[in-house]
Amino acid sequence: MVLRRLLGVLLHNPQLVERLSESRPIRRAAQLTAFALLQAQLRGQDAARRLRGLAAGPAGSLGRRAARFKDTFTRELRRGLRERPGPPPGSQGGPGANH
Protein backbone atom coordinates (compact mmCIF):
# COMPACT_ATOMS: atom_id res chain seq x y z
CA MET A 1 0.00 0.00 0.00
CA VAL A 2 2.76 2.42 0.92
CA LEU A 3 4.77 1.50 -2.20
CA ARG A 4 1.73 2.11 -4.41
CA ARG A 5 1.14 5.51 -2.85
CA LEU A 6 4.80 6.48 -3.18
CA LEU A 7 4.86 5.39 -6.83
CA GLY A 8 1.68 7.35 -7.51
CA VAL A 9 3.15 10.52 -6.01
CA LEU A 10 6.37 10.10 -8.00
CA LEU A 11 4.59 9.53 -11.29
CA HIS A 12 2.46 12.64 -10.78
CA ASN A 13 5.58 14.78 -10.37
CA PRO A 14 6.02 16.61 -13.72
CA GLN A 15 9.76 17.23 -13.22
CA LEU A 16 10.44 13.55 -12.55
CA VAL A 17 8.38 12.45 -15.54
CA GLU A 18 10.25 14.93 -17.73
CA ARG A 19 13.66 13.71 -16.54
CA LEU A 20 12.64 10.06 -17.03
CA SER A 21 11.41 10.79 -20.55
CA GLU A 22 14.82 12.20 -21.41
CA SER A 23 16.72 9.18 -20.08
CA ARG A 24 18.35 6.81 -22.56
CA PRO A 25 16.50 3.60 -21.47
CA ILE A 26 13.09 5.26 -21.72
CA ARG A 27 13.89 6.80 -25.12
CA ARG A 28 15.16 3.44 -26.39
CA ALA A 29 12.03 1.66 -25.14
CA ALA A 30 9.89 4.24 -26.94
CA GLN A 31 11.89 3.75 -30.16
CA LEU A 32 11.51 -0.02 -30.00
CA THR A 33 7.79 0.28 -29.32
CA ALA A 34 7.29 2.64 -32.25
CA PHE A 35 9.32 0.34 -34.51
CA ALA A 36 7.29 -2.73 -33.51
CA LEU A 37 3.98 -0.92 -34.05
CA LEU A 38 5.07 0.39 -37.45
CA GLN A 39 6.23 -3.07 -38.57
CA ALA A 40 2.94 -4.63 -37.45
CA GLN A 41 0.99 -1.97 -39.33
CA LEU A 42 3.02 -2.45 -42.51
CA ARG A 43 2.65 -6.24 -42.37
CA GLY A 44 -1.08 -5.89 -41.82
CA GLN A 45 -1.40 -3.58 -44.81
CA ASP A 46 0.66 -5.97 -46.95
CA ALA A 47 -1.50 -8.94 -45.95
CA ALA A 48 -4.68 -6.96 -46.69
CA ARG A 49 -3.30 -5.94 -50.09
CA ARG A 50 -2.50 -9.57 -50.95
CA LEU A 51 -5.98 -10.70 -49.88
CA ARG A 52 -7.59 -8.01 -52.00
CA GLY A 53 -5.42 -9.15 -54.92
CA LEU A 54 -6.60 -12.72 -54.48
CA ALA A 55 -10.24 -11.68 -54.25
CA ALA A 56 -9.93 -9.38 -57.26
CA GLY A 57 -8.36 -12.12 -59.41
CA PRO A 58 -10.28 -13.95 -62.13
CA ALA A 59 -13.96 -14.37 -61.29
CA GLY A 60 -14.45 -17.31 -58.99
CA SER A 61 -10.71 -17.87 -58.54
CA LEU A 62 -10.90 -17.60 -54.76
CA GLY A 63 -13.97 -19.83 -54.68
CA ARG A 64 -12.23 -22.47 -56.81
CA ARG A 65 -9.18 -22.36 -54.56
CA ALA A 66 -11.33 -22.80 -51.46
CA ALA A 67 -13.21 -25.72 -53.03
CA ARG A 68 -9.94 -27.35 -54.12
CA PHE A 69 -8.52 -26.92 -50.61
CA LYS A 70 -11.63 -28.50 -49.08
CA ASP A 71 -11.51 -31.45 -51.47
CA THR A 72 -7.81 -32.05 -50.89
CA PHE A 73 -8.20 -31.76 -47.13
CA THR A 74 -11.13 -34.19 -47.09
CA ARG A 75 -9.30 -36.68 -49.31
CA GLU A 76 -6.14 -36.57 -47.17
CA LEU A 77 -8.12 -36.88 -43.95
CA ARG A 78 -9.95 -39.96 -45.22
CA ARG A 79 -6.71 -41.52 -46.47
CA GLY A 80 -5.05 -40.87 -43.12
CA LEU A 81 -7.93 -42.49 -41.26
CA ARG A 82 -7.83 -45.55 -43.55
CA GLU A 83 -4.07 -46.01 -43.07
CA ARG A 84 -4.32 -45.64 -39.32
CA PRO A 85 -3.50 -48.87 -37.45
CA GLY A 86 -6.20 -50.44 -35.33
CA PRO A 87 -9.95 -50.65 -35.69
CA PRO A 88 -11.85 -47.74 -37.23
CA PRO A 89 -13.21 -45.11 -34.88
CA GLY A 90 -16.56 -45.98 -33.36
CA SER A 91 -16.14 -49.74 -33.61
CA GLN A 92 -15.14 -50.08 -29.99
CA GLY A 93 -17.54 -49.34 -27.17
CA GLY A 94 -16.81 -46.20 -25.28
CA PRO A 95 -17.74 -45.38 -21.72
CA GLY A 96 -21.17 -46.69 -20.91
CA ALA A 97 -21.31 -49.04 -23.91
CA ASN A 98 -23.32 -52.23 -23.35
CA HIS A 99 -21.20 -55.34 -23.87
PDB file of N, CA and C in Angstrom:
ATOM      1  N   MET A   1       0.825  -1.195   0.000  1.00  0.00           N
ATOM      2  CA  MET A   1       0.000   0.000   0.000  1.00  0.00           C
ATOM      3  C   MET A   1       0.870   1.260   0.000  1.00  0.00           C
ATOM      4  N   VAL A   2       1.880   1.260   0.830  1.00  0.00           N
ATOM      5  CA  VAL A   2       2.763   2.421   0.920  1.00  0.00           C
ATOM      6  C   VAL A   2       3.538   2.578  -0.386  1.00  0.00           C
ATOM      7  N   LEU A   3       4.010   1.451  -0.952  1.00  0.00           N
ATOM      8  CA  LEU A   3       4.768   1.502  -2.201  1.00  0.00           C
ATOM      9  C   LEU A   3       3.895   2.049  -3.335  1.00  0.00           C
ATOM     10  N   ARG A   4       2.642   1.628  -3.379  1.00  0.00           N
ATOM     11  CA  ARG A   4       1.725   2.109  -4.412  1.00  0.00           C
ATOM     12  C   ARG A   4       1.520   3.620  -4.289  1.00  0.00           C
ATOM     13  N   ARG A   5       1.354   4.077  -3.074  1.00  0.00           N
ATOM     14  CA  ARG A   5       1.137   5.507  -2.854  1.00  0.00           C
ATOM     15  C   ARG A   5       2.382   6.317  -3.238  1.00  0.00           C
ATOM     16  N   LEU A   6       3.550   5.810  -2.840  1.00  0.00           N
ATOM     17  CA  LEU A   6       4.799   6.484  -3.175  1.00  0.00           C
ATOM     18  C   LEU A   6       4.997   6.541  -4.686  1.00  0.00           C
ATOM     19  N   LEU A   7       4.728   5.431  -5.368  1.00  0.00           N
ATOM     20  CA  LEU A   7       4.862   5.387  -6.826  1.00  0.00           C
ATOM     21  C   LEU A   7       3.883   6.354  -7.487  1.00  0.00           C
ATOM     22  N   GLY A   8       2.668   6.417  -6.978  1.00  0.00           N
ATOM     23  CA  GLY A   8       1.678   7.352  -7.514  1.00  0.00           C
ATOM     24  C   GLY A   8       2.122   8.799  -7.379  1.00  0.00           C
ATOM     25  N   VAL A   9       2.675   9.151  -6.232  1.00  0.00           N
ATOM     26  CA  VAL A   9       3.149  10.517  -6.005  1.00  0.00           C
ATOM     27  C   VAL A   9       4.304  10.832  -6.950  1.00  0.00           C
ATOM     28  N   LEU A  10       5.228   9.868  -7.114  1.00  0.00           N
ATOM     29  CA  LEU A  10       6.375  10.103  -7.998  1.00  0.00           C
ATOM     30  C   LEU A  10       5.957  10.270  -9.447  1.00  0.00           C
ATOM     31  N   LEU A  11       5.013   9.467  -9.895  1.00  0.00           N
ATOM     32  CA  LEU A  11       4.591   9.532 -11.293  1.00  0.00           C
ATOM     33  C   LEU A  11       3.740  10.764 -11.596  1.00  0.00           C
ATOM     34  N   HIS A  12       3.234  11.416 -10.561  1.00  0.00           N
ATOM     35  CA  HIS A  12       2.465  12.643 -10.779  1.00  0.00           C
ATOM     36  C   HIS A  12       3.342  13.883 -10.620  1.00  0.00           C
ATOM     37  N   ASN A  13       4.636  13.671 -10.495  1.00  0.00           N
ATOM     38  CA  ASN A  13       5.579  14.778 -10.374  1.00  0.00           C
ATOM     39  C   ASN A  13       6.076  15.109 -11.783  1.00  0.00           C
ATOM     40  N   PRO A  14       5.671  16.268 -12.327  1.00  0.00           N
ATOM     41  CA  PRO A  14       6.024  16.608 -13.716  1.00  0.00           C
ATOM     42  C   PRO A  14       7.528  16.660 -13.981  1.00  0.00           C
ATOM     43  N   GLN A  15       8.311  17.154 -13.003  1.00  0.00           N
ATOM     44  CA  GLN A  15       9.755  17.229 -13.222  1.00  0.00           C
ATOM     45  C   GLN A  15      10.362  15.831 -13.339  1.00  0.00           C
ATOM     46  N   LEU A  16       9.914  14.905 -12.501  1.00  0.00           N
ATOM     47  CA  LEU A  16      10.440  13.546 -12.547  1.00  0.00           C
ATOM     48  C   LEU A  16      10.058  12.855 -13.858  1.00  0.00           C
ATOM     49  N   VAL A  17       8.826  13.039 -14.281  1.00  0.00           N
ATOM     50  CA  VAL A  17       8.375  12.445 -15.544  1.00  0.00           C
ATOM     51  C   VAL A  17       9.191  13.003 -16.708  1.00  0.00           C
ATOM     52  N   GLU A  18       9.459  14.300 -16.672  1.00  0.00           N
ATOM     53  CA  GLU A  18      10.252  14.935 -17.727  1.00  0.00           C
ATOM     54  C   GLU A  18      11.674  14.369 -17.758  1.00  0.00           C
ATOM     55  N   ARG A  19      12.289  14.238 -16.592  1.00  0.00           N
ATOM     56  CA  ARG A  19      13.660  13.706 -16.542  1.00  0.00           C
ATOM     57  C   ARG A  19      13.697  12.244 -16.987  1.00  0.00           C
ATOM     58  N   LEU A  20      12.692  11.463 -16.595  1.00  0.00           N
ATOM     59  CA  LEU A  20      12.642  10.060 -17.026  1.00  0.00           C
ATOM     60  C   LEU A  20      12.477   9.963 -18.539  1.00  0.00           C
ATOM     61  N   SER A  21      11.654  10.845 -19.109  1.00  0.00           N
ATOM     62  CA  SER A  21      11.412  10.790 -20.554  1.00  0.00           C
ATOM     63  C   SER A  21      12.662  11.128 -21.347  1.00  0.00           C
ATOM     64  N   GLU A  22      13.576  11.845 -20.738  1.00  0.00           N
ATOM     65  CA  GLU A  22      14.819  12.197 -21.413  1.00  0.00           C
ATOM     66  C   GLU A  22      15.925  11.160 -21.199  1.00  0.00           C
ATOM     67  N   SER A  23      15.672  10.169 -20.360  1.00  0.00           N
ATOM     68  CA  SER A  23      16.716   9.176 -20.082  1.00  0.00           C
ATOM     69  C   SER A  23      16.859   8.214 -21.263  1.00  0.00           C
ATOM     70  N   ARG A  24      18.058   7.709 -21.442  1.00  0.00           N
ATOM     71  CA  ARG A  24      18.353   6.813 -22.560  1.00  0.00           C
ATOM     72  C   ARG A  24      17.494   5.540 -22.557  1.00  0.00           C
ATOM     73  N   PRO A  25      17.319   4.834 -21.431  1.00  0.00           N
ATOM     74  CA  PRO A  25      16.502   3.602 -21.469  1.00  0.00           C
ATOM     75  C   PRO A  25      15.045   3.854 -21.870  1.00  0.00           C
ATOM     76  N   ILE A  26      14.483   4.948 -21.386  1.00  0.00           N
ATOM     77  CA  ILE A  26      13.088   5.256 -21.720  1.00  0.00           C
ATOM     78  C   ILE A  26      12.966   5.641 -23.189  1.00  0.00           C
ATOM     79  N   ARG A  27      13.913   6.436 -23.697  1.00  0.00           N
ATOM     80  CA  ARG A  27      13.888   6.802 -25.123  1.00  0.00           C
ATOM     81  C   ARG A  27      14.039   5.561 -25.999  1.00  0.00           C
ATOM     82  N   ARG A  28      14.943   4.663 -25.609  1.00  0.00           N
ATOM     83  CA  ARG A  28      15.158   3.439 -26.395  1.00  0.00           C
ATOM     84  C   ARG A  28      13.906   2.564 -26.373  1.00  0.00           C
ATOM     85  N   ALA A  29      13.261   2.443 -25.230  1.00  0.00           N
ATOM     86  CA  ALA A  29      12.028   1.659 -25.141  1.00  0.00           C
ATOM     87  C   ALA A  29      10.944   2.260 -26.038  1.00  0.00           C
ATOM     88  N   ALA A  30      10.867   3.582 -26.079  1.00  0.00           N
ATOM     89  CA  ALA A  30       9.887   4.243 -26.943  1.00  0.00           C
ATOM     90  C   ALA A  30      10.204   3.991 -28.415  1.00  0.00           C
ATOM     91  N   GLN A  31      11.497   4.022 -28.767  1.00  0.00           N
ATOM     92  CA  GLN A  31      11.888   3.752 -30.160  1.00  0.00           C
ATOM     93  C   GLN A  31      11.517   2.323 -30.559  1.00  0.00           C
ATOM     94  N   LEU A  32      11.819   1.377 -29.685  1.00  0.00           N
ATOM     95  CA  LEU A  32      11.514  -0.023 -29.997  1.00  0.00           C
ATOM     96  C   LEU A  32      10.006  -0.252 -30.113  1.00  0.00           C
ATOM     97  N   THR A  33       9.254   0.401 -29.252  1.00  0.00           N
ATOM     98  CA  THR A  33       7.794   0.276 -29.316  1.00  0.00           C
ATOM     99  C   THR A  33       7.257   0.850 -30.623  1.00  0.00           C
ATOM    100  N   ALA A  34       7.739   2.019 -30.990  1.00  0.00           N
ATOM    101  CA  ALA A  34       7.293   2.636 -32.246  1.00  0.00           C
ATOM    102  C   ALA A  34       7.671   1.773 -33.442  1.00  0.00           C
ATOM    103  N   PHE A  35       8.879   1.210 -33.423  1.00  0.00           N
ATOM    104  CA  PHE A  35       9.323   0.340 -34.515  1.00  0.00           C
ATOM    105  C   PHE A  35       8.423  -0.892 -34.629  1.00  0.00           C
ATOM    106  N   ALA A  36       8.132  -1.526 -33.492  1.00  0.00           N
ATOM    107  CA  ALA A  36       7.289  -2.726 -33.509  1.00  0.00           C
ATOM    108  C   ALA A  36       5.887  -2.407 -34.025  1.00  0.00           C
ATOM    109  N   LEU A  37       5.321  -1.300 -33.588  1.00  0.00           N
ATOM    110  CA  LEU A  37       3.983  -0.916 -34.049  1.00  0.00           C
ATOM    111  C   LEU A  37       3.976  -0.623 -35.545  1.00  0.00           C
ATOM    112  N   LEU A  38       4.992   0.071 -36.029  1.00  0.00           N
ATOM    113  CA  LEU A  38       5.072   0.390 -37.452  1.00  0.00           C
ATOM    114  C   LEU A  38       5.211  -0.885 -38.284  1.00  0.00           C
ATOM    115  N   GLN A  39       6.050  -1.811 -37.844  1.00  0.00           N
ATOM    116  CA  GLN A  39       6.229  -3.071 -38.566  1.00  0.00           C
ATOM    117  C   GLN A  39       4.928  -3.866 -38.610  1.00  0.00           C
ATOM    118  N   ALA A  40       4.222  -3.916 -37.484  1.00  0.00           N
ATOM    119  CA  ALA A  40       2.944  -4.631 -37.448  1.00  0.00           C
ATOM    120  C   ALA A  40       1.937  -3.993 -38.401  1.00  0.00           C
ATOM    121  N   GLN A  41       1.907  -2.670 -38.430  1.00  0.00           N
ATOM    122  CA  GLN A  41       0.987  -1.968 -39.329  1.00  0.00           C
ATOM    123  C   GLN A  41       1.332  -2.254 -40.791  1.00  0.00           C
ATOM    124  N   LEU A  42       2.614  -2.199 -41.130  1.00  0.00           N
ATOM    125  CA  LEU A  42       3.024  -2.454 -42.511  1.00  0.00           C
ATOM    126  C   LEU A  42       2.715  -3.890 -42.929  1.00  0.00           C
ATOM    127  N   ARG A  43       2.954  -4.843 -42.041  1.00  0.00           N
ATOM    128  CA  ARG A  43       2.654  -6.238 -42.365  1.00  0.00           C
ATOM    129  C   ARG A  43       1.147  -6.457 -42.524  1.00  0.00           C
ATOM    130  N   GLY A  44       0.371  -5.785 -41.697  1.00  0.00           N
ATOM    131  CA  GLY A  44      -1.078  -5.891 -41.823  1.00  0.00           C
ATOM    132  C   GLY A  44      -1.571  -5.321 -43.142  1.00  0.00           C
ATOM    133  N   GLN A  45      -1.013  -4.179 -43.538  1.00  0.00           N
ATOM    134  CA  GLN A  45      -1.399  -3.578 -44.814  1.00  0.00           C
ATOM    135  C   GLN A  45      -0.987  -4.464 -45.978  1.00  0.00           C
ATOM    136  N   ASP A  46       0.190  -5.078 -45.890  1.00  0.00           N
ATOM    137  CA  ASP A  46       0.659  -5.966 -46.947  1.00  0.00           C
ATOM    138  C   ASP A  46      -0.250  -7.196 -47.069  1.00  0.00           C
ATOM    139  N   ALA A  47      -0.617  -7.766 -45.920  1.00  0.00           N
ATOM    140  CA  ALA A  47      -1.504  -8.935 -45.946  1.00  0.00           C
ATOM    141  C   ALA A  47      -2.872  -8.564 -46.531  1.00  0.00           C
ATOM    142  N   ALA A  48      -3.389  -7.400 -46.165  1.00  0.00           N
ATOM    143  CA  ALA A  48      -4.684  -6.958 -46.693  1.00  0.00           C
ATOM    144  C   ALA A  48      -4.599  -6.740 -48.201  1.00  0.00           C
ATOM    145  N   ARG A  49      -3.487  -6.168 -48.655  1.00  0.00           N
ATOM    146  CA  ARG A  49      -3.296  -5.938 -50.088  1.00  0.00           C
ATOM    147  C   ARG A  49      -3.271  -7.271 -50.845  1.00  0.00           C
ATOM    148  N   ARG A  50      -2.557  -8.269 -50.281  1.00  0.00           N
ATOM    149  CA  ARG A  50      -2.501  -9.570 -50.951  1.00  0.00           C
ATOM    150  C   ARG A  50      -3.872 -10.242 -50.984  1.00  0.00           C
ATOM    151  N   LEU A  51      -4.635 -10.113 -49.904  1.00  0.00           N
ATOM    152  CA  LEU A  51      -5.980 -10.701 -49.881  1.00  0.00           C
ATOM    153  C   LEU A  51      -6.891 -10.032 -50.902  1.00  0.00           C
ATOM    154  N   ARG A  52      -6.788  -8.701 -50.996  1.00  0.00           N
ATOM    155  CA  ARG A  52      -7.589  -8.006 -52.003  1.00  0.00           C
ATOM    156  C   ARG A  52      -7.194  -8.449 -53.406  1.00  0.00           C
ATOM    157  N   GLY A  53      -5.902  -8.669 -53.614  1.00  0.00           N
ATOM    158  CA  GLY A  53      -5.425  -9.148 -54.918  1.00  0.00           C
ATOM    159  C   GLY A  53      -5.977 -10.523 -55.245  1.00  0.00           C
ATOM    160  N   LEU A  54      -6.029 -11.390 -54.249  1.00  0.00           N
ATOM    161  CA  LEU A  54      -6.600 -12.721 -54.478  1.00  0.00           C
ATOM    162  C   LEU A  54      -8.090 -12.634 -54.802  1.00  0.00           C
ATOM    163  N   ALA A  55      -8.799 -11.799 -54.045  1.00  0.00           N
ATOM    164  CA  ALA A  55     -10.241 -11.685 -54.249  1.00  0.00           C
ATOM    165  C   ALA A  55     -10.560 -11.000 -55.577  1.00  0.00           C
ATOM    166  N   ALA A  56      -9.675 -10.110 -56.032  1.00  0.00           N
ATOM    167  CA  ALA A  56      -9.934  -9.378 -57.262  1.00  0.00           C
ATOM    168  C   ALA A  56      -9.421 -10.128 -58.492  1.00  0.00           C
ATOM    169  N   GLY A  57      -8.881 -11.327 -58.298  1.00  0.00           N
ATOM    170  CA  GLY A  57      -8.360 -12.120 -59.412  1.00  0.00           C
ATOM    171  C   GLY A  57      -9.488 -12.532 -60.348  1.00  0.00           C
ATOM    172  N   PRO A  58      -9.235 -13.479 -61.223  1.00  0.00           N
ATOM    173  CA  PRO A  58     -10.278 -13.946 -62.134  1.00  0.00           C
ATOM    174  C   PRO A  58     -11.536 -14.346 -61.365  1.00  0.00           C
ATOM    175  N   ALA A  59     -12.682 -14.103 -61.965  1.00  0.00           N
ATOM    176  CA  ALA A  59     -13.958 -14.372 -61.293  1.00  0.00           C
ATOM    177  C   ALA A  59     -14.013 -15.808 -60.817  1.00  0.00           C
ATOM    178  N   GLY A  60     -14.327 -15.980 -59.560  1.00  0.00           N
ATOM    179  CA  GLY A  60     -14.453 -17.311 -58.991  1.00  0.00           C
ATOM    180  C   GLY A  60     -13.135 -17.960 -58.623  1.00  0.00           C
ATOM    181  N   SER A  61     -12.024 -17.281 -58.828  1.00  0.00           N
ATOM    182  CA  SER A  61     -10.711 -17.867 -58.543  1.00  0.00           C
ATOM    183  C   SER A  61     -10.580 -18.241 -57.069  1.00  0.00           C
ATOM    184  N   LEU A  62     -10.986 -17.335 -56.189  1.00  0.00           N
ATOM    185  CA  LEU A  62     -10.902 -17.600 -54.761  1.00  0.00           C
ATOM    186  C   LEU A  62     -11.839 -18.735 -54.374  1.00  0.00           C
ATOM    187  N   GLY A  63     -13.025 -18.754 -54.964  1.00  0.00           N
ATOM    188  CA  GLY A  63     -13.971 -19.835 -54.682  1.00  0.00           C
ATOM    189  C   GLY A  63     -13.441 -21.183 -55.139  1.00  0.00           C
ATOM    190  N   ARG A  64     -12.806 -21.207 -56.312  1.00  0.00           N
ATOM    191  CA  ARG A  64     -12.227 -22.467 -56.811  1.00  0.00           C
ATOM    192  C   ARG A  64     -11.102 -22.938 -55.911  1.00  0.00           C
ATOM    193  N   ARG A  65     -10.274 -21.991 -55.459  1.00  0.00           N
ATOM    194  CA  ARG A  65      -9.176 -22.363 -54.562  1.00  0.00           C
ATOM    195  C   ARG A  65      -9.712 -22.937 -53.254  1.00  0.00           C
ATOM    196  N   ALA A  66     -10.749 -22.317 -52.710  1.00  0.00           N
ATOM    197  CA  ALA A  66     -11.332 -22.796 -51.457  1.00  0.00           C
ATOM    198  C   ALA A  66     -11.927 -24.192 -51.645  1.00  0.00           C
ATOM    199  N   ALA A  67     -12.621 -24.408 -52.765  1.00  0.00           N
ATOM    200  CA  ALA A  67     -13.210 -25.720 -53.031  1.00  0.00           C
ATOM    201  C   ALA A  67     -12.117 -26.764 -53.216  1.00  0.00           C
ATOM    202  N   ARG A  68     -11.048 -26.408 -53.914  1.00  0.00           N
ATOM    203  CA  ARG A  68      -9.942 -27.351 -54.117  1.00  0.00           C
ATOM    204  C   ARG A  68      -9.264 -27.686 -52.787  1.00  0.00           C
ATOM    205  N   PHE A  69      -9.099 -26.680 -51.932  1.00  0.00           N
ATOM    206  CA  PHE A  69      -8.521 -26.924 -50.615  1.00  0.00           C
ATOM    207  C   PHE A  69      -9.396 -27.876 -49.811  1.00  0.00           C
ATOM    208  N   LYS A  70     -10.705 -27.640 -49.828  1.00  0.00           N
ATOM    209  CA  LYS A  70     -11.634 -28.496 -49.075  1.00  0.00           C
ATOM    210  C   LYS A  70     -11.569 -29.927 -49.582  1.00  0.00           C
ATOM    211  N   ASP A  71     -11.568 -30.102 -50.894  1.00  0.00           N
ATOM    212  CA  ASP A  71     -11.514 -31.446 -51.465  1.00  0.00           C
ATOM    213  C   ASP A  71     -10.209 -32.156 -51.102  1.00  0.00           C
ATOM    214  N   THR A  72      -9.100 -31.457 -51.229  1.00  0.00           N
ATOM    215  CA  THR A  72      -7.806 -32.054 -50.893  1.00  0.00           C
ATOM    216  C   THR A  72      -7.745 -32.401 -49.419  1.00  0.00           C
ATOM    217  N   PHE A  73      -8.218 -31.514 -48.563  1.00  0.00           N
ATOM    218  CA  PHE A  73      -8.203 -31.762 -47.128  1.00  0.00           C
ATOM    219  C   PHE A  73      -9.044 -32.982 -46.790  1.00  0.00           C
ATOM    220  N   THR A  74     -10.243 -33.060 -47.357  1.00  0.00           N
ATOM    221  CA  THR A  74     -11.131 -34.194 -47.086  1.00  0.00           C
ATOM    222  C   THR A  74     -10.505 -35.498 -47.565  1.00  0.00           C
ATOM    223  N   ARG A  75      -9.925 -35.473 -48.753  1.00  0.00           N
ATOM    224  CA  ARG A  75      -9.295 -36.679 -49.309  1.00  0.00           C
ATOM    225  C   ARG A  75      -8.137 -37.150 -48.427  1.00  0.00           C
ATOM    226  N   GLU A  76      -7.287 -36.214 -48.011  1.00  0.00           N
ATOM    227  CA  GLU A  76      -6.136 -36.568 -47.174  1.00  0.00           C
ATOM    228  C   GLU A  76      -6.578 -37.057 -45.799  1.00  0.00           C
ATOM    229  N   LEU A  77      -7.609 -36.455 -45.253  1.00  0.00           N
ATOM    230  CA  LEU A  77      -8.119 -36.884 -43.954  1.00  0.00           C
ATOM    231  C   LEU A  77      -8.650 -38.309 -44.033  1.00  0.00           C
ATOM    232  N   ARG A  78      -9.430 -38.600 -45.060  1.00  0.00           N
ATOM    233  CA  ARG A  78      -9.952 -39.964 -45.220  1.00  0.00           C
ATOM    234  C   ARG A  78      -8.826 -40.971 -45.424  1.00  0.00           C
ATOM    235  N   ARG A  79      -7.827 -40.608 -46.235  1.00  0.00           N
ATOM    236  CA  ARG A  79      -6.711 -41.517 -46.471  1.00  0.00           C
ATOM    237  C   ARG A  79      -5.943 -41.767 -45.168  1.00  0.00           C
ATOM    238  N   GLY A  80      -5.741 -40.724 -44.400  1.00  0.00           N
ATOM    239  CA  GLY A  80      -5.051 -40.865 -43.121  1.00  0.00           C
ATOM    240  C   GLY A  80      -5.811 -41.760 -42.159  1.00  0.00           C
ATOM    241  N   LEU A  81      -7.123 -41.636 -42.147  1.00  0.00           N
ATOM    242  CA  LEU A  81      -7.929 -42.491 -41.263  1.00  0.00           C
ATOM    243  C   LEU A  81      -7.897 -43.944 -41.721  1.00  0.00           C
ATOM    244  N   ARG A  82      -7.887 -44.175 -43.044  1.00  0.00           N
ATOM    245  CA  ARG A  82      -7.831 -45.554 -43.555  1.00  0.00           C
ATOM    246  C   ARG A  82      -6.497 -46.205 -43.214  1.00  0.00           C
ATOM    247  N   GLU A  83      -5.402 -45.450 -43.295  1.00  0.00           N
ATOM    248  CA  GLU A  83      -4.072 -46.007 -43.074  1.00  0.00           C
ATOM    249  C   GLU A  83      -3.716 -46.103 -41.599  1.00  0.00           C
ATOM    250  N   ARG A  84      -4.562 -45.617 -40.754  1.00  0.00           N
ATOM    251  CA  ARG A  84      -4.317 -45.644 -39.320  1.00  0.00           C
ATOM    252  C   ARG A  84      -4.395 -47.068 -38.803  1.00  0.00           C
ATOM    253  N   PRO A  85      -3.431 -47.512 -37.983  1.00  0.00           N
ATOM    254  CA  PRO A  85      -3.501 -48.868 -37.454  1.00  0.00           C
ATOM    255  C   PRO A  85      -4.621 -48.992 -36.428  1.00  0.00           C
ATOM    256  N   GLY A  86      -5.155 -50.189 -36.306  1.00  0.00           N
ATOM    257  CA  GLY A  86      -6.203 -50.437 -35.329  1.00  0.00           C
ATOM    258  C   GLY A  86      -7.571 -50.373 -35.954  1.00  0.00           C
ATOM    259  N   PRO A  87      -8.585 -50.673 -35.171  1.00  0.00           N
ATOM    260  CA  PRO A  87      -9.953 -50.654 -35.686  1.00  0.00           C
ATOM    261  C   PRO A  87     -10.406 -49.230 -35.986  1.00  0.00           C
ATOM    262  N   PRO A  88     -11.356 -49.078 -36.904  1.00  0.00           N
ATOM    263  CA  PRO A  88     -11.846 -47.739 -37.233  1.00  0.00           C
ATOM    264  C   PRO A  88     -12.538 -47.098 -36.042  1.00  0.00           C
ATOM    265  N   PRO A  89     -12.564 -45.790 -36.009  1.00  0.00           N
ATOM    266  CA  PRO A  89     -13.214 -45.110 -34.884  1.00  0.00           C
ATOM    267  C   PRO A  89     -14.681 -45.489 -34.796  1.00  0.00           C
ATOM    268  N   GLY A  90     -15.152 -45.660 -33.571  1.00  0.00           N
ATOM    269  CA  GLY A  90     -16.560 -45.980 -33.359  1.00  0.00           C
ATOM    270  C   GLY A  90     -16.846 -47.468 -33.307  1.00  0.00           C
ATOM    271  N   SER A  91     -15.866 -48.314 -33.623  1.00  0.00           N
ATOM    272  CA  SER A  91     -16.139 -49.741 -33.614  1.00  0.00           C
ATOM    273  C   SER A  91     -15.976 -50.321 -32.219  1.00  0.00           C
ATOM    274  N   GLN A  92     -15.292 -49.617 -31.342  1.00  0.00           N
ATOM    275  CA  GLN A  92     -15.144 -50.076 -29.985  1.00  0.00           C
ATOM    276  C   GLN A  92     -16.141 -49.339 -29.114  1.00  0.00           C
ATOM    277  N   GLY A  93     -16.591 -49.997 -28.082  1.00  0.00           N
ATOM    278  CA  GLY A  93     -17.539 -49.336 -27.175  1.00  0.00           C
ATOM    279  C   GLY A  93     -16.817 -48.352 -26.306  1.00  0.00           C
ATOM    280  N   GLY A  94     -17.388 -47.222 -26.135  1.00  0.00           N
ATOM    281  CA  GLY A  94     -16.813 -46.201 -25.280  1.00  0.00           C
ATOM    282  C   GLY A  94     -17.351 -46.346 -23.882  1.00  0.00           C
ATOM    283  N   PRO A  95     -17.193 -45.340 -23.071  1.00  0.00           N
ATOM    284  CA  PRO A  95     -17.743 -45.381 -21.720  1.00  0.00           C
ATOM    285  C   PRO A  95     -19.252 -45.542 -21.754  1.00  0.00           C
ATOM    286  N   GLY A  96     -19.737 -46.459 -20.978  1.00  0.00           N
ATOM    287  CA  GLY A  96     -21.174 -46.688 -20.914  1.00  0.00           C
ATOM    288  C   GLY A  96     -21.715 -47.579 -22.009  1.00  0.00           C
ATOM    289  N   ALA A  97     -20.846 -48.159 -22.835  1.00  0.00           N
ATOM    290  CA  ALA A  97     -21.312 -49.042 -23.906  1.00  0.00           C
ATOM    291  C   ALA A  97     -21.750 -50.381 -23.298  1.00  0.00           C
ATOM    292  N   ASN A  98     -22.815 -50.934 -23.842  1.00  0.00           N
ATOM    293  CA  ASN A  98     -23.324 -52.232 -23.345  1.00  0.00           C
ATOM    294  C   ASN A  98     -22.608 -53.358 -24.056  1.00  0.00           C
ATOM    295  N   HIS A  99     -21.913 -54.190 -23.289  1.00  0.00           N
ATOM    296  CA  HIS A  99     -21.200 -55.342 -23.866  1.00  0.00           C
ATOM    297  C   HIS A  99     -21.797 -56.590 -23.328  1.00  0.00           C
TER     298      HIS A  99
END
